[in-house]
Every structure is written in structure tokens, then in C-alpha cells.
C-alpha atoms as a PDB file:
ATOM      1  CA  MET A   1     -88.639  14.014  50.713  1.00  0.00           C
ATOM      2  CA  THR A   2     -90.100  11.737  53.358  1.00  0.00           C
ATOM      3  CA  ASP A   3     -86.877  10.105  54.526  1.00  0.00           C
ATOM      4  CA  PRO A   4     -83.831  12.293  53.794  1.00  0.00           C
ATOM      5  CA  ARG A   5     -81.507   9.564  55.067  1.00  0.00           C
ATOM      6  CA  ARG A   6     -82.458   7.273  52.183  1.00  0.00           C
ATOM      7  CA  PRO A   7     -82.426   9.430  49.043  1.00  0.00           C
ATOM      8  CA  LEU A   8     -81.062   6.562  46.954  1.00  0.00           C
ATOM      9  CA  ARG A   9     -84.471   4.902  47.139  1.00  0.00           C
ATOM     10  CA  GLU A  10     -86.223   7.943  45.706  1.00  0.00           C
ATOM     11  CA  LEU A  11     -87.491   7.799  42.127  1.00  0.00           C
ATOM     12  CA  PRO A  12     -84.926  10.242  40.619  1.00  0.00           C
ATOM     13  CA  ALA A  13     -82.026   8.257  42.076  1.00  0.00           C
ATOM     14  CA  ARG A  14     -83.473   4.980  40.788  1.00  0.00           C
ATOM     15  CA  VAL A  15     -83.917   6.433  37.300  1.00  0.00           C
ATOM     16  CA  LEU A  16     -80.323   7.687  37.323  1.00  0.00           C
ATOM     17  CA  ARG A  17     -78.980   4.293  38.397  1.00  0.00           C
ATOM     18  CA  PHE A  18     -81.092   2.563  35.752  1.00  0.00           C
ATOM     19  CA  ALA A  19     -79.803   4.879  33.002  1.00  0.00           C
ATOM     20  CA  PHE A  20     -76.218   4.404  34.185  1.00  0.00           C
ATOM     21  CA  ARG A  21     -76.568   0.605  34.054  1.00  0.00           C
ATOM     22  CA  GLU A  22     -78.224   0.615  30.640  1.00  0.00           C
ATOM     23  CA  PHE A  23     -75.742   2.974  28.981  1.00  0.00           C
ATOM     24  CA  SER A  24     -72.743   1.374  30.692  1.00  0.00           C
ATOM     25  CA  ALA A  25     -73.774  -1.966  29.222  1.00  0.00           C
ATOM     26  CA  ASN A  26     -74.469  -0.423  25.818  1.00  0.00           C
ATOM     27  CA  PRO A  27     -73.088   3.102  25.249  1.00  0.00           C
ATOM     28  CA  ASN A  28     -74.699   3.160  21.790  1.00  0.00           C
ATOM     29  CA  LEU A  29     -78.166   2.278  23.064  1.00  0.00           C
ATOM     30  CA  PRO A  30     -80.667   4.069  20.820  1.00  0.00           C
ATOM     31  CA  ASP A  31     -82.963   6.538  22.558  1.00  0.00           C
ATOM     32  CA  GLU A  32     -86.120   4.687  21.518  1.00  0.00           C
ATOM     33  CA  GLU A  33     -84.823   1.421  22.965  1.00  0.00           C
ATOM     34  CA  PHE A  34     -83.825   3.170  26.179  1.00  0.00           C
ATOM     35  CA  ARG A  35     -87.327   4.655  26.430  1.00  0.00           C
ATOM     36  CA  ARG A  36     -88.883   1.198  25.938  1.00  0.00           C
ATOM     37  CA  ARG A  37     -86.692  -0.149  28.710  1.00  0.00           C
ATOM     38  CA  VAL A  38     -87.670   2.736  30.997  1.00  0.00           C
ATOM     39  CA  GLY A  39     -91.325   1.961  30.304  1.00  0.00           C
ATOM     40  CA  ARG A  40     -90.865  -1.717  31.078  1.00  0.00           C
ATOM     41  CA  GLN A  41     -88.777  -1.078  34.211  1.00  0.00           C
ATOM     42  CA  PHE A  42     -90.840   1.677  35.804  1.00  0.00           C
ATOM     43  CA  PHE A  43     -94.358   1.216  34.437  1.00  0.00           C
ATOM     44  CA  GLY A  44     -94.453  -2.431  33.396  1.00  0.00           C
ATOM     45  CA  ASP A  45     -95.301  -1.243  29.886  1.00  0.00           C
ATOM     46  CA  PRO A  46     -92.695  -0.420  27.217  1.00  0.00           C
ATOM     47  CA  THR A  47     -95.320   1.588  25.311  1.00  0.00           C
ATOM     48  CA  ALA A  48     -96.401   3.935  28.149  1.00  0.00           C
ATOM     49  CA  SER A  49     -95.028   6.907  26.205  1.00  0.00           C
ATOM     50  CA  GLY A  50     -96.848   9.674  28.120  1.00  0.00           C
ATOM     51  CA  SER A  51     -95.668   8.382  31.480  1.00  0.00           C
ATOM     52  CA  ILE A  52     -92.169   7.776  30.122  1.00  0.00           C
ATOM     53  CA  ASP A  53     -92.048  11.374  28.845  1.00  0.00           C
ATOM     54  CA  ASP A  54     -93.166  12.666  32.231  1.00  0.00           C
ATOM     55  CA  LEU A  55     -90.642  10.552  34.120  1.00  0.00           C
ATOM     56  CA  LEU A  56     -87.725  11.638  31.940  1.00  0.00           C
ATOM     57  CA  PHE A  57     -88.893  15.252  32.125  1.00  0.00           C
ATOM     58  CA  LEU A  58     -88.962  15.048  35.927  1.00  0.00           C
ATOM     59  CA  GLN A  59     -85.425  13.666  35.804  1.00  0.00           C
ATOM     60  CA  ARG A  60     -84.297  16.629  33.671  1.00  0.00           C
ATOM     61  CA  CYS A  61     -85.932  19.025  36.132  1.00  0.00           C
ATOM     62  CA  ILE A  62     -84.140  17.485  39.100  1.00  0.00           C
ATOM     63  CA  ASN A  63     -80.826  18.046  37.317  1.00  0.00           C
ATOM     64  CA  LEU A  64     -81.475  21.396  35.620  1.00  0.00           C
ATOM     65  CA  ASP A  65     -78.501  23.710  36.288  1.00  0.00           C
ATOM     66  CA  ARG A  66     -77.343  21.684  39.286  1.00  0.00           C
ATOM     67  CA  ASP A  67     -73.726  20.970  40.097  1.00  0.00           C
ATOM     68  CA  TRP A  68     -71.781  18.692  42.407  1.00  0.00           C
ATOM     69  CA  VAL A  69     -72.576  20.626  45.571  1.00  0.00           C
ATOM     70  CA  THR A  70     -75.937  22.293  44.946  1.00  0.00           C
ATOM     71  CA  ALA A  71     -79.368  21.123  43.947  1.00  0.00           C
ATOM     72  CA  SER A  72     -81.126  22.350  40.862  1.00  0.00           C
ATOM     73  CA  PRO A  73     -82.478  25.864  41.400  1.00  0.00           C
ATOM     74  CA  LEU A  74     -85.787  24.425  40.188  1.00  0.00           C
ATOM     75  CA  VAL A  75     -86.141  22.390  43.378  1.00  0.00           C
ATOM     76  CA  ASP A  76     -84.947  25.177  45.691  1.00  0.00           C
ATOM     77  CA  PRO A  77     -86.666  28.544  45.184  1.00  0.00           C
ATOM     78  CA  GLU A  78     -84.260  30.381  47.493  1.00  0.00           C
ATOM     79  CA  TRP A  79     -81.271  29.063  45.558  1.00  0.00           C
ATOM     80  CA  TYR A  80     -83.040  29.991  42.302  1.00  0.00           C
ATOM     81  CA  LYS A  81     -83.510  33.581  43.457  1.00  0.00           C
ATOM     82  CA  LEU A  82     -79.908  33.906  44.619  1.00  0.00           C
ATOM     83  CA  LYS A  83     -78.347  32.216  41.582  1.00  0.00           C
ATOM     84  CA  SER A  84     -80.503  33.907  38.960  1.00  0.00           C
ATOM     85  CA  THR A  85     -79.839  37.324  40.527  1.00  0.00           C
ATOM     86  CA  ARG A  86     -76.082  36.819  40.918  1.00  0.00           C
ATOM     87  CA  GLN A  87     -75.684  35.500  37.388  1.00  0.00           C
ATOM     88  CA  LYS A  88     -78.170  37.963  35.882  1.00  0.00           C
ATOM     89  CA  TRP A  89     -80.089  35.322  34.000  1.00  0.00           C
ATOM     90  CA  SER A  90     -81.757  36.395  30.781  1.00  0.00           C
ATOM     91  CA  GLN A  91     -85.541  36.476  30.413  1.00  0.00           C
ATOM     92  CA  GLU A  92     -85.303  33.442  28.142  1.00  0.00           C
ATOM     93  CA  ARG A  93     -83.536  31.435  30.831  1.00  0.00           C
ATOM     94  CA  LEU A  94     -86.002  32.556  33.497  1.00  0.00           C
ATOM     95  CA  GLN A  95     -88.840  31.544  31.193  1.00  0.00           C
ATOM     96  CA  VAL A  96     -87.460  28.005  30.999  1.00  0.00           C
ATOM     97  CA  TYR A  97     -88.029  27.703  34.740  1.00  0.00           C
ATOM     98  CA  VAL A  98     -91.572  29.044  34.464  1.00  0.00           C
ATOM     99  CA  GLN A  99     -92.330  26.503  31.735  1.00  0.00           C
ATOM    100  CA  HIS A 100     -90.778  23.652  33.689  1.00  0.00           C
ATOM    101  CA  LEU A 101     -92.791  24.523  36.797  1.00  0.00           C
ATOM    102  CA  ALA A 102     -95.988  24.649  34.744  1.00  0.00           C
ATOM    103  CA  ARG A 103     -95.347  21.173  33.388  1.00  0.00           C
ATOM    104  CA  LEU A 104     -94.473  19.871  36.859  1.00  0.00           C
ATOM    105  CA  ARG A 105     -97.864  21.166  38.049  1.00  0.00           C
ATOM    106  CA  GLU A 106     -99.504  19.265  35.191  1.00  0.00           C
ATOM    107  CA  ILE A 107     -97.619  16.090  36.122  1.00  0.00           C
ATOM    108  CA  SER A 108     -98.631  16.476  39.756  1.00  0.00           C
ATOM    109  CA  GLU A 109    -102.289  16.843  38.782  1.00  0.00           C
ATOM    110  CA  ARG A 110    -102.210  14.107  36.127  1.00  0.00           C
ATOM    111  CA  TYR A 111    -101.046  11.456  38.578  1.00  0.00           C
ATOM    112  CA  ALA A 112    -102.936  12.653  41.665  1.00  0.00           C
ATOM    113  CA  ASN A 113    -105.170   9.555  41.604  1.00  0.00           C
ATOM    114  CA  ALA A 114    -102.757   7.106  39.995  1.00  0.00           C
ATOM    115  CA  THR A 115    -102.718   3.442  40.922  1.00  0.00           C
ATOM    116  CA  ASN A 116     -99.348   2.621  39.321  1.00  0.00           C
ATOM    117  CA  GLN A 117     -96.581   2.949  41.930  1.00  0.00           C
ATOM    118  CA  THR A 118     -94.228   4.948  39.691  1.00  0.00           C
ATOM    119  CA  GLN A 119     -97.025   7.300  38.668  1.00  0.00           C
ATOM    120  CA  GLN A 120     -97.810   7.815  42.356  1.00  0.00           C
ATOM    121  CA  GLU A 121     -94.156   8.677  42.912  1.00  0.00           C
ATOM    122  CA  LEU A 122     -94.237  11.060  39.937  1.00  0.00           C
ATOM    123  CA  HIS A 123     -97.138  12.807  41.626  1.00  0.00           C
ATOM    124  CA  ARG A 124     -95.358  12.924  44.987  1.00  0.00           C
ATOM    125  CA  VAL A 125     -92.049  14.279  43.676  1.00  0.00           C
ATOM    126  CA  ALA A 126     -93.624  16.780  41.262  1.00  0.00           C
ATOM    127  CA  SER A 127     -95.956  17.986  44.038  1.00  0.00           C
ATOM    128  CA  PHE A 128     -93.038  18.342  46.439  1.00  0.00           C
ATOM    129  CA  ILE A 129     -91.222  20.627  43.998  1.00  0.00           C
ATOM    130  CA  VAL A 130     -94.295  22.660  43.043  1.00  0.00           C
ATOM    131  CA  LYS A 131     -95.314  23.215  46.685  1.00  0.00           C
ATOM    132  CA  ARG A 132     -91.911  24.714  47.434  1.00  0.00           C
ATOM    133  CA  TRP A 133     -92.715  27.547  44.996  1.00  0.00           C
ATOM    134  CA  LYS A 134     -95.917  28.727  46.684  1.00  0.00           C
END
């Protein structure tokens, strides 16, 4: 990303901190209420369901198959190739990555001309990941 020294200010880190705070305060928080809070916090609109879906999907992508010391193979094509080959991933598992990348491309395109700050960040982060796969 633009400033690797400050990753805690990036959108995925902010979403993670927000979720941690919300579920720490209320471990039984219903999913729909959490989604409303995400909408209010990040888009200023608790009913922005399409943007909320995209934001939470991006968050899942950032964390897909990652562990404590490595990034998600989805954000690092070289790591994907190495890990999927070593572990002999099934076609179904490989297809999950193809589908996720396709949706990330859609997110990048959808928010290319956004005026909302979080939507602009969705575009930037999704584009960053997609460009790494070219």
C-alpha cells in the first residue's frame, strides 16, 4: 500500500479493529446489527447494503488462508503459487480464488469513480490486489 510503515491506518485494519471493539462489547451482537453498525461507521449509512457486502467481502479476502506470519495467498500471487503447489490444492479450492479475484475486479470497477471515502478506499485496495495478479 502507499505507506507500508502505517498499515494500521489502512481500511482492512480499521475494519478489523471496529469488529473487535463491537464484538468485545457485545459478543452476542447479531449479524444484522453488526452490518448496520458497519454501514454507519464506514459509509455514514446503516442501509448501504451493497457497499457493506463489498467491504466485508474485501475483509474476508485479505484474511483468506492467511496465518500469523504470512499474508493471504490471494494478496500475494507468488505465495499462492508456492502454497497451492506444495499443498496440492484441489480444483474446488483453486476455483475459490478465481471467484474471489473476479469479485475483487468488480469491486475495483464499481468504486472507480466513488466520492465516498470508504468506497474510494475499497477501489484502491481491491485494485492493488487485482493488479498484483496481472
